[in-house]
N, C-alpha and C. Protein backbone atom coordinates (compact mmCIF):
# COMPACT_ATOMS: atom_id res chain seq x y z
N MET A 1 99.64 142.22 16.26
CA MET A 1 100.43 142.88 14.26
C MET A 1 99.55 143.72 14.81
N PRO A 2 100.44 145.18 13.86
CA PRO A 2 100.04 146.33 13.67
C PRO A 2 98.81 146.29 12.55
N GLN A 3 98.14 147.29 12.21
CA GLN A 3 96.77 147.67 11.39
C GLN A 3 97.29 147.78 9.66
N ASP A 4 98.59 148.43 10.18
CA ASP A 4 98.94 149.20 8.60
C ASP A 4 99.87 148.09 8.10
N THR A 5 100.14 146.76 8.23
CA THR A 5 100.78 145.71 8.12
C THR A 5 100.30 144.70 7.24
N GLU A 6 100.52 144.06 6.44
CA GLU A 6 99.37 143.13 5.63
C GLU A 6 100.05 141.87 6.17
N PRO A 7 98.72 141.18 6.37
CA PRO A 7 99.15 139.70 7.44
C PRO A 7 99.79 138.92 5.92
N GLU A 8 100.84 137.81 6.59
CA GLU A 8 100.96 136.94 5.61
C GLU A 8 100.10 135.79 5.15
N ARG A 9 99.40 135.31 6.33
CA ARG A 9 97.86 134.27 6.09
C ARG A 9 96.89 134.89 5.57
N TYR A 10 96.66 133.66 4.42
CA TYR A 10 95.09 133.95 3.74
C TYR A 10 94.04 134.20 4.10
N TYR A 11 93.52 133.86 5.42
CA TYR A 11 92.59 134.54 6.15
C TYR A 11 92.55 135.48 7.26
N GLU A 12 93.73 135.79 7.44
CA GLU A 12 94.30 137.28 8.09
C GLU A 12 94.39 137.79 7.41
N TRP A 13 94.74 137.82 6.17
CA TRP A 13 94.67 139.04 5.00
C TRP A 13 93.14 139.34 4.88
N MET A 14 92.53 138.04 3.93
CA MET A 14 91.31 138.53 3.64
C MET A 14 90.11 139.23 5.41
N LEU A 15 90.36 139.11 6.39
CA LEU A 15 90.00 139.52 7.18
C LEU A 15 90.65 141.42 7.30
N TRP A 16 91.74 141.16 7.30
CA TRP A 16 92.57 142.47 7.25
C TRP A 16 92.18 143.51 6.03
N LYS A 17 91.96 142.70 4.70
CA LYS A 17 91.33 143.61 3.58
C LYS A 17 90.22 144.04 3.56
N LEU A 18 89.22 143.39 4.53
CA LEU A 18 87.72 143.92 4.49
C LEU A 18 88.03 145.24 5.38
N LYS A 19 88.49 145.06 6.17
CA LYS A 19 88.73 146.62 7.26
C LYS A 19 89.26 147.33 6.79
N GLN A 20 90.20 147.62 5.70
CA GLN A 20 91.09 148.44 5.32
C GLN A 20 89.78 148.97 4.04
N GLU A 21 88.72 148.38 3.80
CA GLU A 21 87.96 149.01 2.68
C GLU A 21 87.04 149.79 3.62
N LYS A 22 86.98 151.25 4.05
CA LYS A 22 86.05 151.75 4.68
C LYS A 22 84.81 152.08 4.10
N ASP A 23 84.99 151.92 2.67
CA ASP A 23 83.70 152.86 1.98
C ASP A 23 83.21 151.13 1.46
N MET A 24 83.24 150.26 2.35
CA MET A 24 82.32 149.22 1.54
C MET A 24 80.77 149.21 1.37
N ASN A 25 80.69 148.63 0.49
CA ASN A 25 78.87 148.79 0.68
C ASN A 25 78.21 148.16 1.80
N ALA A 26 76.87 148.73 2.40
CA ALA A 26 76.92 148.24 3.27
C ALA A 26 76.36 146.82 3.19
N LYS A 27 75.76 145.80 2.18
CA LYS A 27 75.58 145.04 2.09
C LYS A 27 76.86 143.90 2.73
N TRP A 28 78.29 144.27 2.20
CA TRP A 28 79.54 143.10 2.46
C TRP A 28 79.85 143.55 3.89
N SER A 29 79.51 144.94 4.96
CA SER A 29 80.04 145.03 5.85
C SER A 29 79.12 144.84 6.90
N LYS A 30 78.15 144.61 7.15
CA LYS A 30 77.24 144.03 7.92
C LYS A 30 77.27 142.68 7.99
N ILE A 31 77.89 141.91 9.29
CA ILE A 31 77.91 140.72 9.92
C ILE A 31 76.59 139.92 10.12
N SER A 32 75.87 139.24 9.62
CA SER A 32 74.91 138.55 10.22
C SER A 32 75.12 137.59 11.56
N SER A 33 74.15 137.91 12.61
CA SER A 33 74.11 136.50 13.18
C SER A 33 73.78 135.22 12.57
N ASP A 34 72.98 135.30 11.57
CA ASP A 34 72.44 133.83 11.24
C ASP A 34 73.73 133.40 9.77
N THR A 35 74.39 132.06 10.04
CA THR A 35 74.95 131.96 9.65
C THR A 35 75.06 131.01 8.93
N ASN A 36 75.24 131.33 7.18
CA ASN A 36 74.99 130.23 6.11
C ASN A 36 76.12 130.40 5.43
N TRP A 37 77.18 129.22 5.82
CA TRP A 37 78.35 129.28 5.41
C TRP A 37 78.23 129.28 3.48
N ALA A 38 77.37 129.21 2.60
CA ALA A 38 77.20 128.66 1.54
C ALA A 38 76.95 130.49 0.99
N LYS A 39 76.28 131.04 1.70
CA LYS A 39 75.92 132.63 1.25
C LYS A 39 76.88 133.13 1.53
N ASP A 40 77.50 133.15 2.61
CA ASP A 40 78.79 133.99 2.72
C ASP A 40 80.25 133.89 1.76
N ILE A 41 80.09 132.59 1.46
CA ILE A 41 81.28 132.30 0.70
C ILE A 41 80.60 133.17 -0.96
N ASN A 42 79.56 132.68 -0.83
CA ASN A 42 79.26 133.01 -2.41
C ASN A 42 78.82 134.58 -2.19
N ASN A 43 78.99 135.40 -1.28
CA ASN A 43 79.13 136.91 -1.28
C ASN A 43 80.70 137.22 -1.46
N MET A 44 81.58 136.74 -0.84
CA MET A 44 82.29 136.81 -0.62
C MET A 44 83.18 136.84 -2.25
N HIS A 45 82.62 135.74 -3.00
CA HIS A 45 83.18 135.70 -4.23
C HIS A 45 82.55 136.50 -4.75
N LEU A 46 81.38 137.31 -4.86
CA LEU A 46 80.87 137.94 -5.93
C LEU A 46 81.88 139.32 -4.93
N LYS A 47 81.75 140.06 -4.31
CA LYS A 47 82.74 141.19 -3.75
C LYS A 47 83.96 140.98 -4.65
N PHE A 48 84.86 139.91 -4.48
CA PHE A 48 86.16 140.04 -5.05
C PHE A 48 86.10 139.42 -6.67
N GLY A 49 85.13 139.22 -7.14
CA GLY A 49 85.19 139.12 -8.34
C GLY A 49 84.97 137.50 -8.75
N VAL A 50 84.83 137.15 -7.74
CA VAL A 50 85.45 135.00 -9.19
C VAL A 50 84.73 134.97 -9.59
N HIS A 51 83.19 134.97 -9.20
CA HIS A 51 82.30 134.89 -10.13
C HIS A 51 82.47 135.27 -11.89
N ASP A 52 82.89 136.36 -11.89
CA ASP A 52 82.95 137.54 -13.05
C ASP A 52 84.25 136.62 -13.56
N TRP A 53 85.11 136.85 -12.86
CA TRP A 53 86.34 135.58 -13.68
C TRP A 53 86.43 134.78 -14.35
N VAL A 54 85.65 133.78 -13.64
CA VAL A 54 85.10 132.61 -13.94
C VAL A 54 84.06 132.26 -15.04
N LYS A 55 83.31 133.19 -15.28
CA LYS A 55 82.59 133.52 -16.24
C LYS A 55 83.23 134.32 -17.34
N ALA A 56 83.98 135.35 -17.25
CA ALA A 56 85.04 135.61 -18.62
C ALA A 56 86.29 134.54 -19.34
N ARG A 57 86.41 133.59 -18.45
CA ARG A 57 87.33 132.13 -18.41
C ARG A 57 86.48 131.47 -19.73
N ILE A 58 84.92 131.04 -19.06
CA ILE A 58 84.19 130.60 -19.87
C ILE A 58 84.04 131.02 -21.30
N GLU A 59 83.24 132.50 -21.35
CA GLU A 59 82.92 133.17 -22.68
C GLU A 59 84.33 133.09 -23.31
N ALA A 60 85.40 133.24 -23.52
CA ALA A 60 87.17 132.55 -24.04
C ALA A 60 87.01 131.74 -24.15
N LYS A 61 86.00 130.72 -23.55
CA LYS A 61 86.95 128.95 -23.93
C LYS A 61 88.11 129.03 -23.29
N ASP A 62 88.40 129.50 -22.73
CA ASP A 62 90.08 128.96 -21.57
C ASP A 62 89.57 128.02 -20.33
N TYR A 63 89.99 127.23 -21.07
CA TYR A 63 89.30 126.55 -20.37
C TYR A 63 90.73 125.48 -19.67
N TYR A 64 91.85 125.94 -20.26
CA TYR A 64 92.94 125.44 -19.38
C TYR A 64 93.08 126.27 -18.38
N SER A 65 93.18 127.47 -18.52
CA SER A 65 92.62 128.63 -16.71
C SER A 65 92.04 127.66 -15.88
N LEU A 66 90.56 127.47 -16.51
CA LEU A 66 89.71 127.27 -15.16
C LEU A 66 90.20 125.52 -14.71
N TYR A 67 90.86 124.65 -15.49
CA TYR A 67 91.60 123.16 -15.19
C TYR A 67 92.57 124.17 -13.95
N GLU A 68 93.29 124.90 -14.74
CA GLU A 68 94.44 125.20 -13.97
C GLU A 68 94.18 125.42 -12.20
N PHE A 69 92.69 126.50 -12.50
CA PHE A 69 92.10 127.35 -11.39
C PHE A 69 91.72 125.94 -10.39
N LEU A 70 91.24 125.05 -10.73
CA LEU A 70 90.37 123.65 -9.62
C LEU A 70 91.83 123.57 -9.05
N GLN A 71 92.80 122.84 -10.04
CA GLN A 71 94.01 122.01 -8.70
C GLN A 71 94.36 123.21 -8.39
N PHE A 72 94.57 124.66 -8.36
CA PHE A 72 95.46 125.56 -7.26
C PHE A 72 94.10 125.28 -6.11
N ARG A 73 93.03 125.28 -6.27
CA ARG A 73 91.81 124.89 -5.24
C ARG A 73 92.46 123.82 -4.57
N MET A 74 92.98 122.34 -4.70
CA MET A 74 93.44 121.33 -4.40
C MET A 74 94.60 121.32 -4.01
N ARG A 75 95.71 122.41 -4.58
CA ARG A 75 96.91 122.91 -3.68
C ARG A 75 96.55 123.49 -2.18
N PHE A 76 95.77 124.54 -2.57
CA PHE A 76 95.39 125.68 -1.59
C PHE A 76 94.87 124.43 -0.05
N LEU A 77 93.67 123.44 -0.84
CA LEU A 77 93.28 122.68 0.87
C LEU A 77 94.34 122.03 0.98
N ASP A 78 95.28 120.94 0.21
CA ASP A 78 96.28 120.90 0.70
C ASP A 78 97.19 121.32 1.74
N GLU A 79 97.27 122.77 1.56
CA GLU A 79 98.37 123.67 1.76
C GLU A 79 97.67 123.92 3.74
N GLU A 80 96.16 123.70 3.59
CA GLU A 80 95.36 124.42 4.89
C GLU A 80 95.20 123.08 5.65
N LEU A 81 95.40 122.39 5.07
CA LEU A 81 95.35 120.64 5.73
C LEU A 81 96.82 120.66 6.42
N HIS A 82 97.72 120.89 5.69
CA HIS A 82 98.96 120.73 6.22
C HIS A 82 99.03 121.11 7.42
N GLU A 83 98.68 122.96 7.09
CA GLU A 83 98.48 124.04 7.99
C GLU A 83 97.94 123.67 9.57
N THR A 84 97.33 123.04 9.17
CA THR A 84 96.48 122.26 10.69
C THR A 84 96.89 121.42 10.94
N LYS A 85 97.56 120.73 10.24
CA LYS A 85 98.36 119.30 10.95
C LYS A 85 99.37 119.80 11.91
N GLU A 86 99.91 120.65 11.38
CA GLU A 86 101.11 121.23 11.97
C GLU A 86 100.53 121.82 13.41
N ALA A 87 99.45 122.57 13.16
CA ALA A 87 98.92 122.90 14.83
C ALA A 87 98.75 122.24 15.53
N ILE A 88 98.06 120.59 15.11
CA ILE A 88 97.89 119.68 15.99
C ILE A 88 99.40 119.56 16.56
N LYS A 89 100.07 119.11 15.91
CA LYS A 89 101.25 118.79 15.99
C LYS A 89 101.90 119.51 17.36
N HIS A 90 102.09 121.18 16.72
CA HIS A 90 102.20 122.21 18.07
C HIS A 90 101.61 122.53 19.11
N ARG A 91 100.57 121.93 19.20
CA ARG A 91 99.08 122.10 19.84
C ARG A 91 99.13 123.23 20.28
N HIS A 92 98.62 124.24 19.17
CA HIS A 92 98.26 125.61 18.91
C HIS A 92 96.55 125.29 18.71
N ALA A 93 96.09 125.55 19.62
CA ALA A 93 94.46 125.32 19.52
C ALA A 93 93.42 126.15 18.80
N ASP A 94 93.73 127.55 18.82
CA ASP A 94 93.96 128.46 17.72
C ASP A 94 94.09 128.13 16.47
N ASP A 95 95.15 127.84 15.97
CA ASP A 95 95.33 127.93 14.89
C ASP A 95 95.12 126.72 14.36
N ILE A 96 94.09 125.29 15.56
CA ILE A 96 93.91 124.41 14.68
C ILE A 96 92.26 124.58 14.34
N VAL A 97 91.70 125.70 14.82
CA VAL A 97 90.17 126.06 14.95
C VAL A 97 90.40 126.41 13.66
N ASP A 98 91.61 127.68 13.66
CA ASP A 98 91.43 128.25 12.26
C ASP A 98 91.46 127.82 10.97
N GLY A 99 92.40 126.59 10.71
CA GLY A 99 93.19 125.80 10.11
C GLY A 99 91.53 124.62 9.68
N LEU A 100 91.31 124.75 10.79
CA LEU A 100 89.59 123.53 9.85
C LEU A 100 88.37 124.61 9.25
N ILE A 101 88.57 125.69 9.63
CA ILE A 101 87.48 126.32 9.25
C ILE A 101 88.15 126.98 7.54
N ASP A 102 89.25 127.19 7.60
CA ASP A 102 90.05 127.70 6.07
C ASP A 102 89.42 126.56 5.28
N LEU A 103 89.67 125.28 6.12
CA LEU A 103 89.51 123.87 4.78
C LEU A 103 87.93 124.03 4.21
N CYS A 104 86.82 124.46 5.18
CA CYS A 104 85.83 124.71 4.87
C CYS A 104 85.34 125.42 4.40
N VAL A 105 86.12 126.57 3.90
CA VAL A 105 86.22 128.41 3.64
C VAL A 105 86.39 127.70 1.82
N VAL A 106 87.75 127.15 2.16
CA VAL A 106 88.05 126.91 0.48
C VAL A 106 87.37 125.78 -0.12
N ALA A 107 86.83 124.57 -0.01
CA ALA A 107 86.41 123.34 0.30
C ALA A 107 84.57 124.33 -0.69
N ILE A 108 84.35 124.54 0.17
CA ILE A 108 82.79 125.33 -0.16
C ILE A 108 82.64 126.71 -1.09
N GLY A 109 83.96 127.29 -0.91
CA GLY A 109 84.12 128.42 -1.87
C GLY A 109 84.79 127.66 -3.08
N THR A 110 85.48 126.38 -3.80
CA THR A 110 85.51 125.75 -4.37
C THR A 110 84.18 125.65 -5.18
N LEU A 111 82.71 124.82 -4.41
CA LEU A 111 81.95 124.39 -4.99
C LEU A 111 81.31 125.50 -5.34
N ASP A 112 81.38 126.76 -4.89
CA ASP A 112 80.83 127.84 -5.07
C ASP A 112 81.28 128.50 -6.34
N MET A 113 82.47 128.99 -6.47
CA MET A 113 83.24 128.73 -7.56
C MET A 113 82.80 128.16 -9.11
N MET A 114 82.84 126.95 -8.95
CA MET A 114 81.90 126.19 -10.02
C MET A 114 80.77 125.87 -9.91
N GLY A 115 79.84 126.84 -9.24
CA GLY A 115 78.71 127.19 -9.45
C GLY A 115 77.11 125.96 -8.89
N VAL A 116 77.85 124.89 -8.56
CA VAL A 116 77.42 123.84 -7.56
C VAL A 116 76.42 124.60 -5.96
N ASP A 117 74.83 123.90 -5.72
CA ASP A 117 74.31 124.64 -4.98
C ASP A 117 75.10 123.27 -3.55
N ALA A 118 76.25 124.37 -2.71
CA ALA A 118 76.51 123.50 -1.51
C ALA A 118 75.67 123.04 -0.76
N ASN A 119 74.85 123.92 -0.13
CA ASN A 119 73.37 123.38 0.23
C ASN A 119 72.84 122.23 0.16
N ARG A 120 72.70 122.15 -1.19
CA ARG A 120 72.20 120.83 -1.74
C ARG A 120 72.69 119.45 -1.61
N ALA A 121 73.82 120.08 -1.72
CA ALA A 121 75.05 118.31 -2.02
C ALA A 121 75.07 118.29 -0.35
N TRP A 122 75.32 119.35 -0.02
CA TRP A 122 74.91 119.02 2.21
C TRP A 122 74.28 118.32 2.15
N ASN A 123 73.06 118.83 2.13
CA ASN A 123 71.67 117.79 2.28
C ASN A 123 71.78 116.20 2.01
N ARG A 124 71.87 116.05 0.33
CA ARG A 124 72.42 114.93 -0.02
C ARG A 124 73.20 113.82 0.55
N VAL A 125 74.74 114.61 1.58
CA VAL A 125 75.07 113.81 2.16
C VAL A 125 74.64 113.78 3.24
N HIS A 126 73.79 114.61 3.78
CA HIS A 126 73.88 114.41 4.96
C HIS A 126 73.07 113.30 5.47
N ARG A 127 72.03 112.67 4.57
CA ARG A 127 70.59 112.49 4.48
C ARG A 127 71.45 111.09 3.94
N ALA A 128 72.01 110.65 3.66
CA ALA A 128 72.57 109.61 3.38
C ALA A 128 73.77 109.07 4.44
N ASN A 129 74.34 109.88 5.13
CA ASN A 129 75.27 109.43 6.65
C ASN A 129 74.06 109.49 7.52
N MET A 130 73.06 109.73 7.75
CA MET A 130 72.38 109.45 8.72
C MET A 130 70.91 108.26 8.71
N ALA A 131 71.50 107.92 7.11
CA ALA A 131 70.75 106.41 7.19
C ALA A 131 71.96 105.18 7.61
N LYS A 132 72.92 105.31 7.76
CA LYS A 132 74.05 105.00 8.39
C LYS A 132 73.88 104.20 9.65
N HIS A 133 73.96 102.92 10.33
CA HIS A 133 74.08 102.51 11.63
C HIS A 133 75.09 102.28 12.23
N ILE A 134 74.93 102.20 13.71
CA ILE A 134 76.21 102.13 14.10
C ILE A 134 76.94 100.80 14.05
N GLY A 135 78.34 100.69 13.65
CA GLY A 135 78.50 99.80 13.89
C GLY A 135 80.34 99.41 13.28
N GLN A 136 80.58 98.41 12.81
CA GLN A 136 82.39 98.39 12.96
C GLN A 136 82.39 98.34 11.43
N LYS A 137 83.50 99.00 11.10
CA LYS A 137 84.10 98.19 9.29
C LYS A 137 84.93 97.91 9.70
N ASP A 138 85.70 96.54 9.53
CA ASP A 138 86.60 95.86 9.35
C ASP A 138 87.83 96.66 8.86
N SER A 139 87.54 96.68 7.65
CA SER A 139 88.97 97.98 6.80
C SER A 139 89.44 99.40 7.56
N ARG A 140 88.52 99.17 8.45
CA ARG A 140 89.07 100.75 9.21
C ARG A 140 88.86 100.21 10.65
N PRO A 141 90.53 100.28 11.29
CA PRO A 141 90.47 99.75 12.60
C PRO A 141 90.09 101.44 13.23
N ASN A 142 89.31 100.68 14.51
CA ASN A 142 89.09 101.73 15.42
C ASN A 142 89.41 101.13 16.44
N ASP A 143 90.82 102.02 17.40
CA ASP A 143 91.59 101.38 18.69
C ASP A 143 90.93 101.84 19.65
N LEU A 144 90.15 103.13 19.58
CA LEU A 144 89.61 104.23 20.51
C LEU A 144 88.26 103.41 21.08
N GLY A 145 87.45 102.86 20.18
CA GLY A 145 86.21 101.94 20.55
C GLY A 145 85.36 103.25 20.44
N LEU A 146 85.52 103.85 19.46
CA LEU A 146 84.26 105.00 18.87
C LEU A 146 82.96 104.53 18.23
N PRO A 147 81.95 104.91 18.34
CA PRO A 147 80.75 104.31 17.58
C PRO A 147 81.55 104.41 16.14
N ASP A 148 81.26 103.53 15.29
CA ASP A 148 81.55 103.91 13.63
C ASP A 148 80.30 104.16 12.92
N LEU A 149 80.33 104.56 11.64
CA LEU A 149 79.04 104.30 10.55
C LEU A 149 79.13 103.32 9.64
N VAL A 150 78.41 102.49 9.64
CA VAL A 150 78.46 101.67 8.43
C VAL A 150 77.06 101.80 7.62
N LYS A 151 77.70 101.24 6.37
CA LYS A 151 76.07 101.38 5.57
C LYS A 151 75.11 100.17 4.89
N PRO A 152 74.31 100.31 5.95
CA PRO A 152 73.46 99.16 5.73
C PRO A 152 73.14 98.18 4.13
N ASP A 153 72.76 97.41 4.06
CA ASP A 153 72.22 96.67 2.82
C ASP A 153 72.06 97.37 2.06
N ASP A 154 70.82 97.88 2.15
CA ASP A 154 70.34 98.84 1.50
C ASP A 154 70.79 100.59 0.88
N TRP A 155 71.43 100.50 1.71
CA TRP A 155 72.18 102.02 1.81
C TRP A 155 72.51 102.57 0.29
N MET A 156 71.92 103.69 -0.10
CA MET A 156 72.03 104.62 -1.47
C MET A 156 73.25 105.92 -1.27
N ALA A 157 74.03 105.80 -1.97
CA ALA A 157 74.77 106.66 -1.98
C ALA A 157 74.11 108.11 -2.34
N PRO A 158 74.91 109.35 -2.07
CA PRO A 158 74.19 110.35 -2.70
C PRO A 158 74.52 110.78 -4.26
N SER A 159 73.57 111.12 -4.95
CA SER A 159 73.59 111.35 -5.95
C SER A 159 74.36 112.67 -6.27
N HIS A 160 74.64 113.63 -7.24
CA HIS A 160 75.06 114.46 -7.35
C HIS A 160 75.05 115.53 -8.81
N GLU A 161 74.39 113.74 -9.63
CA GLU A 161 74.62 114.35 -11.35
C GLU A 161 73.60 115.39 -11.53
N ASP A 162 72.44 116.05 -10.90
CA ASP A 162 72.14 117.51 -11.35
C ASP A 162 72.44 118.49 -10.62
N ASN A 163 73.84 118.73 -9.53
CA ASN A 163 74.09 119.57 -9.06
C ASN A 163 75.69 119.72 -9.17
N VAL A 164 76.35 119.49 -10.50
CA VAL A 164 77.57 120.31 -10.80
C VAL A 164 78.19 121.26 -11.23
N GLY A 165 76.65 121.87 -11.29
CA GLY A 165 77.05 123.36 -11.78
C GLY A 165 78.09 123.17 -13.28
N LEU A 166 79.15 124.18 -12.92
CA LEU A 166 80.19 124.59 -14.07
C LEU A 166 81.24 123.58 -13.80
N THR A 167 81.29 122.40 -13.12
CA THR A 167 82.20 121.53 -12.70
C THR A 167 82.83 120.80 -14.44
N PRO A 168 81.97 120.79 -15.76
CA PRO A 168 82.81 120.06 -16.38
C PRO A 168 83.06 120.86 -17.22
N LYS A 169 83.34 122.40 -16.95
CA LYS A 169 83.61 123.23 -17.91
C LYS A 169 85.27 123.06 -17.50
N PHE A 170 85.56 123.03 -16.00
CA PHE A 170 86.72 122.90 -15.21
C PHE A 170 87.15 121.66 -15.42
N LEU A 171 86.76 120.88 -15.68
CA LEU A 171 87.26 119.42 -16.66
C LEU A 171 87.54 118.89 -18.13
N ARG A 172 87.53 120.55 -18.67
CA ARG A 172 87.76 120.29 -20.36
C ARG A 172 89.26 119.83 -20.38
N ARG A 173 89.34 119.29 -21.38
CA ARG A 173 90.20 118.71 -22.17
C ARG A 173 90.74 119.73 -23.51
N ASP A 174 89.74 120.34 -24.31
CA ASP A 174 89.82 120.65 -25.73
C ASP A 174 89.88 121.53 -25.95
N TYR A 175 91.67 122.00 -24.72
CA TYR A 175 92.00 123.76 -24.51
C TYR A 175 93.52 123.30 -25.34
N GLU A 176 93.70 124.18 -25.87
CA GLU A 176 95.48 124.21 -26.50
C GLU A 176 96.16 125.12 -25.07
N GLN A 177 97.34 124.24 -25.06
CA GLN A 177 98.32 125.38 -23.26
C GLN A 177 98.39 126.51 -23.89
N LYS A 178 98.41 127.53 -23.02
CA LYS A 178 98.79 128.40 -23.32
C LYS A 178 100.52 128.73 -22.63
């Protein structure tokens, strides 16, 4: 792919765009060897003004746009999932990896734009998953014979009630369609 042509795929476009901005702030141009996906996505959103856009919509009480943006993100996830399934169908290993990472980027990015602490939510879900036991779930056939996780009788689902960020504002219905 020539360096001066704009790629069509979102992830490649984002990388291309970053490379094109020669006078980027050093904070954005350094790549850390310490991976923190939630922080990386947050930094990307800061750089591209996503948080400012969300804040402006909230200040304007433009809940319609927030809801539509959330719907857009869900369609974005569907698109990335479809692309990943196509990569599997066509046995393109590189595109499978890219698609799975893109799904993570969009999902974590959606949490970030809604002000949810993704690390906190992750830790709660992970802790709940680790409380499960190996077993067989009758409602989920497992023809491959792999270990399945089942909930013990005393299992408790994680609660995110105190970590929903701005999500209620994205779900408001008291708006006039524009």
